């Protein structure tokens, strides 16, 4: 089973006793803050969960797998995630 945004919204509503509308606004607000920070090149650290890191990838040579044509991949930013030690222990049944 996948955890979806709708499931998170419902769970928050049930846990803190707010309406689905209010929990939707809470989740959307948090996600907007995270997206805004990442768009500005800032890393996002959520203690006990993990860190979203913005990294710069340099331009490089590549190849179109369908045609075999050589091409140049432009420099870009990517987001990586590193989970916290506490989360890693919990996932592995140690916490």
PDB file of N, CA and C in Angstrom:
ATOM      1  N   UNK A   1       0.837  -1.188   0.000  1.00  0.00           N
ATOM      2  CA  UNK A   1       0.000   0.000   0.000  1.00  0.00           C
ATOM      3  C   UNK A   1       0.877   1.243   0.000  1.00  0.00           C
ATOM      4  N   UNK A   2       0.460   2.242  -0.730  1.00  0.00           N
ATOM      5  CA  UNK A   2       1.145   3.536  -0.760  1.00  0.00           C
ATOM      6  C   UNK A   2       0.465   4.503   0.200  1.00  0.00           C
ATOM      7  N   UNK A   3       1.261   5.360   0.789  1.00  0.00           N
ATOM      8  CA  UNK A   3       0.718   6.439   1.598  1.00  0.00           C
ATOM      9  C   UNK A   3       0.512   7.623   0.676  1.00  0.00           C
ATOM     10  N   UNK A   4      -0.724   8.067   0.541  1.00  0.00           N
ATOM     11  CA  UNK A   4      -1.035   9.182  -0.354  1.00  0.00           C
ATOM     12  C   UNK A   4      -1.275  10.454   0.459  1.00  0.00           C
ATOM     13  N   UNK A   5      -1.276  11.569  -0.237  1.00  0.00           N
ATOM     14  CA  UNK A   5      -1.535  12.841   0.422  1.00  0.00           C
ATOM     15  C   UNK A   5      -2.928  12.830   1.051  1.00  0.00           C
ATOM     16  N   UNK A   6      -3.898  12.232   0.377  1.00  0.00           N
ATOM     17  CA  UNK A   6      -5.257  12.164   0.910  1.00  0.00           C
ATOM     18  C   UNK A   6      -5.301  11.360   2.210  1.00  0.00           C
ATOM     19  N   UNK A   7      -4.518  10.283   2.271  1.00  0.00           N
ATOM     20  CA  UNK A   7      -4.467   9.482   3.491  1.00  0.00           C
ATOM     21  C   UNK A   7      -3.822  10.274   4.626  1.00  0.00           C
ATOM     22  N   UNK A   8      -2.788  11.026   4.326  1.00  0.00           N
ATOM     23  CA  UNK A   8      -2.147  11.875   5.339  1.00  0.00           C
ATOM     24  C   UNK A   8      -3.137  12.900   5.861  1.00  0.00           C
ATOM     25  N   UNK A   9      -3.879  13.516   4.957  1.00  0.00           N
ATOM     26  CA  UNK A   9      -4.882  14.521   5.341  1.00  0.00           C
ATOM     27  C   UNK A   9      -5.927  13.904   6.265  1.00  0.00           C
ATOM     28  N   UNK A  10      -6.425  12.728   5.903  1.00  0.00           N
ATOM     29  CA  UNK A  10      -7.428  12.050   6.731  1.00  0.00           C
ATOM     30  C   UNK A  10      -6.866  11.679   8.094  1.00  0.00           C
ATOM     31  N   UNK A  11      -5.632  11.174   8.121  1.00  0.00           N
ATOM     32  CA  UNK A  11      -5.002  10.777   9.386  1.00  0.00           C
ATOM     33  C   UNK A  11      -4.814  11.970  10.312  1.00  0.00           C
ATOM     34  N   UNK A  12      -4.377  13.099   9.760  1.00  0.00           N
ATOM     35  CA  UNK A  12      -4.201  14.309  10.576  1.00  0.00           C
ATOM     36  C   UNK A  12      -5.543  14.755  11.138  1.00  0.00           C
ATOM     37  N   UNK A  13      -6.558  14.741  10.295  1.00  0.00           N
ATOM     38  CA  UNK A  13      -7.896  15.120  10.755  1.00  0.00           C
ATOM     39  C   UNK A  13      -8.369  14.248  11.901  1.00  0.00           C
ATOM     40  N   UNK A  14      -8.139  12.948  11.788  1.00  0.00           N
ATOM     41  CA  UNK A  14      -8.561  12.022  12.845  1.00  0.00           C
ATOM     42  C   UNK A  14      -7.734  12.192  14.109  1.00  0.00           C
ATOM     43  N   UNK A  15      -6.426  12.429  13.968  1.00  0.00           N
ATOM     44  CA  UNK A  15      -5.537  12.539  15.136  1.00  0.00           C
ATOM     45  C   UNK A  15      -5.800  13.798  15.953  1.00  0.00           C
ATOM     46  N   UNK A  16      -5.980  14.916  15.287  1.00  0.00           N
ATOM     47  CA  UNK A  16      -6.118  16.166  16.049  1.00  0.00           C
ATOM     48  C   UNK A  16      -7.553  16.695  16.066  1.00  0.00           C
ATOM     49  N   UNK A  17      -8.456  15.963  15.431  1.00  0.00           N
ATOM     50  CA  UNK A  17      -9.872  16.308  15.537  1.00  0.00           C
ATOM     51  C   UNK A  17     -10.268  17.568  14.785  1.00  0.00           C
ATOM     52  N   UNK A  18      -9.752  17.733  13.578  1.00  0.00           N
ATOM     53  CA  UNK A  18     -10.155  18.872  12.756  1.00  0.00           C
ATOM     54  C   UNK A  18     -10.853  18.352  11.502  1.00  0.00           C
ATOM     55  N   UNK A  19     -11.509  19.247  10.807  1.00  0.00           N
ATOM     56  CA  UNK A  19     -12.224  18.848   9.592  1.00  0.00           C
ATOM     57  C   UNK A  19     -11.230  18.516   8.478  1.00  0.00           C
ATOM     58  N   UNK A  20     -11.737  17.841   7.465  1.00  0.00           N
ATOM     59  CA  UNK A  20     -10.886  17.497   6.327  1.00  0.00           C
ATOM     60  C   UNK A  20     -10.390  18.776   5.646  1.00  0.00           C
ATOM     61  N   UNK A  21     -11.218  19.803   5.590  1.00  0.00           N
ATOM     62  CA  UNK A  21     -10.814  21.072   4.990  1.00  0.00           C
ATOM     63  C   UNK A  21      -9.628  21.671   5.745  1.00  0.00           C
ATOM     64  N   UNK A  22      -9.719  21.677   7.071  1.00  0.00           N
ATOM     65  CA  UNK A  22      -8.643  22.251   7.880  1.00  0.00           C
ATOM     66  C   UNK A  22      -7.353  21.434   7.771  1.00  0.00           C
ATOM     67  N   UNK A  23      -7.473  20.107   7.799  1.00  0.00           N
ATOM     68  CA  UNK A  23      -6.270  19.288   7.695  1.00  0.00           C
ATOM     69  C   UNK A  23      -5.667  19.398   6.297  1.00  0.00           C
ATOM     70  N   UNK A  24      -6.495  19.580   5.272  1.00  0.00           N
ATOM     71  CA  UNK A  24      -5.988  19.806   3.914  1.00  0.00           C
ATOM     72  C   UNK A  24      -5.183  21.093   3.862  1.00  0.00           C
ATOM     73  N   UNK A  25      -5.696  22.149   4.483  1.00  0.00           N
ATOM     74  CA  UNK A  25      -4.978  23.432   4.517  1.00  0.00           C
ATOM     75  C   UNK A  25      -3.649  23.298   5.247  1.00  0.00           C
ATOM     76  N   UNK A  26      -3.619  22.529   6.332  1.00  0.00           N
ATOM     77  CA  UNK A  26      -2.371  22.315   7.069  1.00  0.00           C
ATOM     78  C   UNK A  26      -1.334  21.599   6.209  1.00  0.00           C
ATOM     79  N   UNK A  27      -1.738  20.498   5.588  1.00  0.00           N
ATOM     80  CA  UNK A  27      -0.810  19.718   4.765  1.00  0.00           C
ATOM     81  C   UNK A  27      -0.330  20.547   3.577  1.00  0.00           C
ATOM     82  N   UNK A  28      -1.246  21.218   2.902  1.00  0.00           N
ATOM     83  CA  UNK A  28      -0.868  22.036   1.744  1.00  0.00           C
ATOM     84  C   UNK A  28       0.083  23.161   2.147  1.00  0.00           C
ATOM     85  N   UNK A  29      -0.129  23.751   3.313  1.00  0.00           N
ATOM     86  CA  UNK A  29       0.752  24.821   3.788  1.00  0.00           C
ATOM     87  C   UNK A  29       2.161  24.299   4.038  1.00  0.00           C
ATOM     88  N   UNK A  30       2.269  23.153   4.684  1.00  0.00           N
ATOM     89  CA  UNK A  30       3.578  22.563   4.943  1.00  0.00           C
ATOM     90  C   UNK A  30       4.277  22.238   3.625  1.00  0.00           C
ATOM     91  N   UNK A  31       3.560  21.620   2.699  1.00  0.00           N
ATOM     92  CA  UNK A  31       4.160  21.261   1.414  1.00  0.00           C
ATOM     93  C   UNK A  31       4.594  22.491   0.622  1.00  0.00           C
ATOM     94  N   UNK A  32       3.831  23.567   0.689  1.00  0.00           N
ATOM     95  CA  UNK A  32       4.210  24.808   0.001  1.00  0.00           C
ATOM     96  C   UNK A  32       5.491  25.397   0.579  1.00  0.00           C
ATOM     97  N   UNK A  33       5.623  25.348   1.899  1.00  0.00           N
ATOM     98  CA  UNK A  33       6.844  25.847   2.542  1.00  0.00           C
ATOM     99  C   UNK A  33       8.046  25.021   2.099  1.00  0.00           C
ATOM    100  N   UNK A  34       7.884  23.694   2.082  1.00  0.00           N
ATOM    101  CA  UNK A  34       8.969  22.812   1.653  1.00  0.00           C
ATOM    102  C   UNK A  34       9.326  23.071   0.195  1.00  0.00           C
ATOM    103  N   UNK A  35       8.315  23.139  -0.673  1.00  0.00           N
ATOM    104  CA  UNK A  35       8.570  23.377  -2.099  1.00  0.00           C
ATOM    105  C   UNK A  35       9.238  24.721  -2.331  1.00  0.00           C
ATOM    106  N   UNK A  36       8.802  25.734  -1.629  1.00  0.00           N
ATOM    107  CA  UNK A  36       9.377  27.063  -1.772  1.00  0.00           C
ATOM    108  C   UNK A  36      10.844  27.072  -1.351  1.00  0.00           C
ATOM    109  N   UNK A  37      11.133  26.445  -0.227  1.00  0.00           N
ATOM    110  CA  UNK A  37      12.516  26.387   0.260  1.00  0.00           C
ATOM    111  C   UNK A  37      13.409  25.640  -0.719  1.00  0.00           C
ATOM    112  N   UNK A  38      12.944  24.499  -1.210  1.00  0.00           N
ATOM    113  CA  UNK A  38      13.734  23.723  -2.158  1.00  0.00           C
ATOM    114  C   UNK A  38      13.930  24.484  -3.464  1.00  0.00           C
ATOM    115  N   UNK A  39      12.903  25.190  -3.924  1.00  0.00           N
ATOM    116  CA  UNK A  39      13.014  25.994  -5.144  1.00  0.00           C
ATOM    117  C   UNK A  39      14.053  27.092  -5.004  1.00  0.00           C
ATOM    118  N   UNK A  40      14.202  27.613  -3.780  1.00  0.00           N
ATOM    119  CA  UNK A  40      15.198  28.656  -3.511  1.00  0.00           C
ATOM    120  C   UNK A  40      16.593  28.087  -3.272  1.00  0.00           C
ATOM    121  N   UNK A  41      16.741  26.778  -3.397  1.00  0.00           N
ATOM    122  CA  UNK A  41      18.045  26.147  -3.217  1.00  0.00           C
ATOM    123  C   UNK A  41      18.393  25.832  -1.785  1.00  0.00           C
ATOM    124  N   UNK A  42      17.426  25.949  -0.881  1.00  0.00           N
ATOM    125  CA  UNK A  42      17.662  25.685   0.537  1.00  0.00           C
ATOM    126  C   UNK A  42      17.367  24.219   0.842  1.00  0.00           C
ATOM    127  N   UNK A  43      18.203  23.608   1.675  1.00  0.00           N
ATOM    128  CA  UNK A  43      17.931  22.253   2.141  1.00  0.00           C
ATOM    129  C   UNK A  43      16.823  22.304   3.186  1.00  0.00           C
ATOM    130  N   UNK A  44      16.087  21.205   3.335  1.00  0.00           N
ATOM    131  CA  UNK A  44      15.007  21.126   4.317  1.00  0.00           C
ATOM    132  C   UNK A  44      15.303  19.972   5.262  1.00  0.00           C
ATOM    133  N   UNK A  45      15.480  20.297   6.544  1.00  0.00           N
ATOM    134  CA  UNK A  45      15.765  19.303   7.567  1.00  0.00           C
ATOM    135  C   UNK A  45      14.538  19.139   8.453  1.00  0.00           C
ATOM    136  N   UNK A  46      14.044  17.914   8.547  1.00  0.00           N
ATOM    137  CA  UNK A  46      12.944  17.595   9.446  1.00  0.00           C
ATOM    138  C   UNK A  46      13.525  16.631  10.476  1.00  0.00           C
ATOM    139  N   UNK A  47      13.798  17.156  11.662  1.00  0.00           N
ATOM    140  CA  UNK A  47      14.470  16.392  12.702  1.00  0.00           C
ATOM    141  C   UNK A  47      13.700  15.114  13.007  1.00  0.00           C
ATOM    142  N   UNK A  48      14.428  14.013  13.076  1.00  0.00           N
ATOM    143  CA  UNK A  48      13.823  12.722  13.362  1.00  0.00           C
ATOM    144  C   UNK A  48      13.264  12.033  12.132  1.00  0.00           C
ATOM    145  N   UNK A  49      13.256  12.727  10.998  1.00  0.00           N
ATOM    146  CA  UNK A  49      12.731  12.158   9.759  1.00  0.00           C
ATOM    147  C   UNK A  49      13.819  12.074   8.698  1.00  0.00           C
ATOM    148  N   UNK A  50      14.358  13.240   8.322  1.00  0.00           N
ATOM    149  CA  UNK A  50      15.420  13.239   7.323  1.00  0.00           C
ATOM    150  C   UNK A  50      15.653  14.612   6.745  1.00  0.00           C
ATOM    151  N   UNK A  51      16.479  14.653   5.705  1.00  0.00           N
ATOM    152  CA  UNK A  51      16.875  15.917   5.099  1.00  0.00           C
ATOM    153  C   UNK A  51      16.726  15.836   3.591  1.00  0.00           C
ATOM    154  N   UNK A  52      16.030  16.815   3.020  1.00  0.00           N
ATOM    155  CA  UNK A  52      15.931  16.977   1.579  1.00  0.00           C
ATOM    156  C   UNK A  52      17.057  17.919   1.167  1.00  0.00           C
ATOM    157  N   UNK A  53      17.893  17.477   0.251  1.00  0.00           N
ATOM    158  CA  UNK A  53      19.088  18.218  -0.122  1.00  0.00           C
ATOM    159  C   UNK A  53      19.016  18.604  -1.593  1.00  0.00           C
ATOM    160  N   UNK A  54      19.254  19.896  -1.885  1.00  0.00           N
ATOM    161  CA  UNK A  54      19.301  20.364  -3.268  1.00  0.00           C
ATOM    162  C   UNK A  54      20.754  20.259  -3.733  1.00  0.00           C
ATOM    163  N   UNK A  55      20.968  19.522  -4.809  1.00  0.00           N
ATOM    164  CA  UNK A  55      22.314  19.351  -5.350  1.00  0.00           C
ATOM    165  C   UNK A  55      22.355  19.844  -6.779  1.00  0.00           C
ATOM    166  N   UNK A  56      23.524  20.356  -7.165  1.00  0.00           N
ATOM    167  CA  UNK A  56      23.731  20.817  -8.541  1.00  0.00           C
ATOM    168  C   UNK A  56      24.412  19.711  -9.325  1.00  0.00           C
ATOM    169  N   UNK A  57      23.858  19.383 -10.474  1.00  0.00           N
ATOM    170  CA  UNK A  57      24.498  18.422 -11.375  1.00  0.00           C
ATOM    171  C   UNK A  57      25.085  19.218 -12.536  1.00  0.00           C
ATOM    172  N   UNK A  58      26.310  18.941 -12.846  1.00  0.00           N
ATOM    173  CA  UNK A  58      26.973  19.609 -13.960  1.00  0.00           C
ATOM    174  C   UNK A  58      26.428  19.070 -15.281  1.00  0.00           C
ATOM    175  N   UNK A  59      26.595  19.859 -16.333  1.00  0.00           N
ATOM    176  CA  UNK A  59      26.235  19.387 -17.665  1.00  0.00           C
ATOM    177  C   UNK A  59      27.138  18.221 -18.044  1.00  0.00           C
ATOM    178  N   UNK A  60      26.616  17.315 -18.851  1.00  0.00           N
ATOM    179  CA  UNK A  60      27.418  16.153 -19.237  1.00  0.00           C
ATOM    180  C   UNK A  60      26.946  15.609 -20.571  1.00  0.00           C
ATOM    181  N   UNK A  61      27.788  14.777 -21.145  1.00  0.00           N
ATOM    182  CA  UNK A  61      27.422  14.136 -22.394  1.00  0.00           C
ATOM    183  C   UNK A  61      26.478  12.980 -22.102  1.00  0.00           C
ATOM    184  N   UNK A  62      25.525  12.798 -22.990  1.00  0.00           N
ATOM    185  CA  UNK A  62      24.576  11.705 -22.829  1.00  0.00           C
ATOM    186  C   UNK A  62      24.233  11.111 -24.182  1.00  0.00           C
ATOM    187  N   UNK A  63      23.306  10.174 -24.151  1.00  0.00           N
ATOM    188  CA  UNK A  63      22.896   9.518 -25.382  1.00  0.00           C
ATOM    189  C   UNK A  63      21.401   9.231 -25.305  1.00  0.00           C
ATOM    190  N   UNK A  64      20.700   9.514 -26.390  1.00  0.00           N
ATOM    191  CA  UNK A  64      19.286   9.183 -26.492  1.00  0.00           C
ATOM    192  C   UNK A  64      19.182   7.667 -26.654  1.00  0.00           C
ATOM    193  N   UNK A  65      18.577   6.956 -25.702  1.00  0.00           N
ATOM    194  CA  UNK A  65      18.539   5.497 -25.793  1.00  0.00           C
ATOM    195  C   UNK A  65      17.694   4.983 -26.969  1.00  0.00           C
ATOM    196  N   UNK A  66      16.724   5.771 -27.417  1.00  0.00           N
ATOM    197  CA  UNK A  66      15.875   5.324 -28.520  1.00  0.00           C
ATOM    198  C   UNK A  66      16.587   5.415 -29.868  1.00  0.00           C
ATOM    199  N   UNK A  67      17.370   6.487 -30.049  1.00  0.00           N
ATOM    200  CA  UNK A  67      18.003   6.707 -31.359  1.00  0.00           C
ATOM    201  C   UNK A  67      19.509   6.481 -31.339  1.00  0.00           C
ATOM    202  N   UNK A  68      20.108   6.465 -30.149  1.00  0.00           N
ATOM    203  CA  UNK A  68      21.552   6.330 -30.048  1.00  0.00           C
ATOM    204  C   UNK A  68      22.284   7.634 -30.326  1.00  0.00           C
ATOM    205  N   UNK A  69      21.548   8.709 -30.540  1.00  0.00           N
ATOM    206  CA  UNK A  69      22.122  10.023 -30.856  1.00  0.00           C
ATOM    207  C   UNK A  69      22.807  10.619 -29.631  1.00  0.00           C
ATOM    208  N   UNK A  70      24.026  11.154 -29.812  1.00  0.00           N
ATOM    209  CA  UNK A  70      24.730  11.852 -28.740  1.00  0.00           C
ATOM    210  C   UNK A  70      24.068  13.194 -28.481  1.00  0.00           C
ATOM    211  N   UNK A  71      24.036  13.598 -27.207  1.00  0.00           N
ATOM    212  CA  UNK A  71      23.482  14.905 -26.859  1.00  0.00           C
ATOM    213  C   UNK A  71      24.153  15.410 -25.606  1.00  0.00           C
ATOM    214  N   UNK A  72      23.931  16.671 -25.290  1.00  0.00           N
ATOM    215  CA  UNK A  72      24.488  17.273 -24.087  1.00  0.00           C
ATOM    216  C   UNK A  72      23.361  17.516 -23.098  1.00  0.00           C
ATOM    217  N   UNK A  73      23.522  16.993 -21.888  1.00  0.00           N
ATOM    218  CA  UNK A  73      22.546  17.226 -20.827  1.00  0.00           C
ATOM    219  C   UNK A  73      22.937  18.508 -20.106  1.00  0.00           C
ATOM    220  N   UNK A  74      21.989  19.402 -19.974  1.00  0.00           N
ATOM    221  CA  UNK A  74      22.224  20.710 -19.365  1.00  0.00           C
ATOM    222  C   UNK A  74      22.450  20.568 -17.856  1.00  0.00           C
ATOM    223  N   UNK A  75      23.180  21.521 -17.264  1.00  0.00           N
ATOM    224  CA  UNK A  75      23.296  21.524 -15.794  1.00  0.00           C
ATOM    225  C   UNK A  75      21.910  21.692 -15.180  1.00  0.00           C
ATOM    226  N   UNK A  76      21.699  21.084 -14.035  1.00  0.00           N
ATOM    227  CA  UNK A  76      20.385  21.169 -13.391  1.00  0.00           C
ATOM    228  C   UNK A  76      20.525  20.924 -11.898  1.00  0.00           C
ATOM    229  N   UNK A  77      19.455  21.187 -11.192  1.00  0.00           N
ATOM    230  CA  UNK A  77      19.420  20.898  -9.761  1.00  0.00           C
ATOM    231  C   UNK A  77      18.528  19.676  -9.542  1.00  0.00           C
ATOM    232  N   UNK A  78      18.927  18.836  -8.610  1.00  0.00           N
ATOM    233  CA  UNK A  78      18.135  17.666  -8.248  1.00  0.00           C
ATOM    234  C   UNK A  78      17.951  17.655  -6.736  1.00  0.00           C
ATOM    235  N   UNK A  79      16.932  16.950  -6.287  1.00  0.00           N
ATOM    236  CA  UNK A  79      16.661  16.842  -4.859  1.00  0.00           C
ATOM    237  C   UNK A  79      16.934  15.402  -4.448  1.00  0.00           C
ATOM    238  N   UNK A  80      17.718  15.248  -3.394  1.00  0.00           N
ATOM    239  CA  UNK A  80      17.958  13.929  -2.824  1.00  0.00           C
ATOM    240  C   UNK A  80      17.416  13.933  -1.404  1.00  0.00           C
ATOM    241  N   UNK A  81      17.199  12.746  -0.871  1.00  0.00           N
ATOM    242  CA  UNK A  81      16.690  12.617   0.494  1.00  0.00           C
ATOM    243  C   UNK A  81      17.599  11.687   1.269  1.00  0.00           C
ATOM    244  N   UNK A  82      17.956  12.104   2.474  1.00  0.00           N
ATOM    245  CA  UNK A  82      18.743  11.260   3.367  1.00  0.00           C
ATOM    246  C   UNK A  82      17.964  11.133   4.665  1.00  0.00           C
ATOM    247  N   UNK A  83      17.586   9.913   4.997  1.00  0.00           N
ATOM    248  CA  UNK A  83      16.798   9.739   6.217  1.00  0.00           C
ATOM    249  C   UNK A  83      17.696   9.854   7.445  1.00  0.00           C
ATOM    250  N   UNK A  84      17.077  10.225   8.552  1.00  0.00           N
ATOM    251  CA  UNK A  84      17.825  10.377   9.801  1.00  0.00           C
ATOM    252  C   UNK A  84      18.176   9.000  10.356  1.00  0.00           C
ATOM    253  N   UNK A  85      19.140   8.961  11.242  1.00  0.00           N
ATOM    254  CA  UNK A  85      19.532   7.704  11.886  1.00  0.00           C
ATOM    255  C   UNK A  85      18.356   7.123  12.665  1.00  0.00           C
ATOM    256  N   UNK A  86      17.583   7.991  13.300  1.00  0.00           N
ATOM    257  CA  UNK A  86      16.419   7.544  14.066  1.00  0.00           C
ATOM    258  C   UNK A  86      15.394   6.870  13.152  1.00  0.00           C
ATOM    259  N   UNK A  87      15.159   7.469  11.975  1.00  0.00           N
ATOM    260  CA  UNK A  87      14.211   6.887  11.024  1.00  0.00           C
ATOM    261  C   UNK A  87      14.754   5.576  10.464  1.00  0.00           C
ATOM    262  N   UNK A  88      16.033   5.549  10.158  1.00  0.00           N
ATOM    263  CA  UNK A  88      16.649   4.328   9.623  1.00  0.00           C
ATOM    264  C   UNK A  88      16.513   3.185  10.630  1.00  0.00           C
ATOM    265  N   UNK A  89      16.750   3.480  11.926  1.00  0.00           N
ATOM    266  CA  UNK A  89      16.598   2.465  12.958  1.00  0.00           C
ATOM    267  C   UNK A  89      15.150   1.985  13.053  1.00  0.00           C
ATOM    268  N   UNK A  90      14.218   2.913  12.950  1.00  0.00           N
ATOM    269  CA  UNK A  90      12.790   2.537  13.035  1.00  0.00           C
ATOM    270  C   UNK A  90      12.385   1.651  11.859  1.00  0.00           C
ATOM    271  N   UNK A  91      12.861   1.990  10.668  1.00  0.00           N
ATOM    272  CA  UNK A  91      12.542   1.194   9.484  1.00  0.00           C
ATOM    273  C   UNK A  91      13.105  -0.211   9.621  1.00  0.00           C
ATOM    274  N   UNK A  92      14.282  -0.327  10.227  1.00  0.00           N
ATOM    275  CA  UNK A  92      14.934  -1.615  10.379  1.00  0.00           C
ATOM    276  C   UNK A  92      14.516  -2.353  11.650  1.00  0.00           C
ATOM    277  N   UNK A  93      13.520  -1.835  12.361  1.00  0.00           N
ATOM    278  CA  UNK A  93      12.989  -2.509  13.538  1.00  0.00           C
ATOM    279  C   UNK A  93      13.823  -2.374  14.788  1.00  0.00           C
ATOM    280  N   UNK A  94      14.696  -1.364  14.830  1.00  0.00           N
ATOM    281  CA  UNK A  94      15.553  -1.164  16.005  1.00  0.00           C
ATOM    282  C   UNK A  94      15.077  -0.044  16.908  1.00  0.00           C
ATOM    283  N   UNK A  95      13.946   0.563  16.579  1.00  0.00           N
ATOM    284  CA  UNK A  95      13.551   1.711  17.391  1.00  0.00           C
ATOM    285  C   UNK A  95      12.104   1.844  17.623  1.00  0.00           C
TER     286      UNK A  95
END
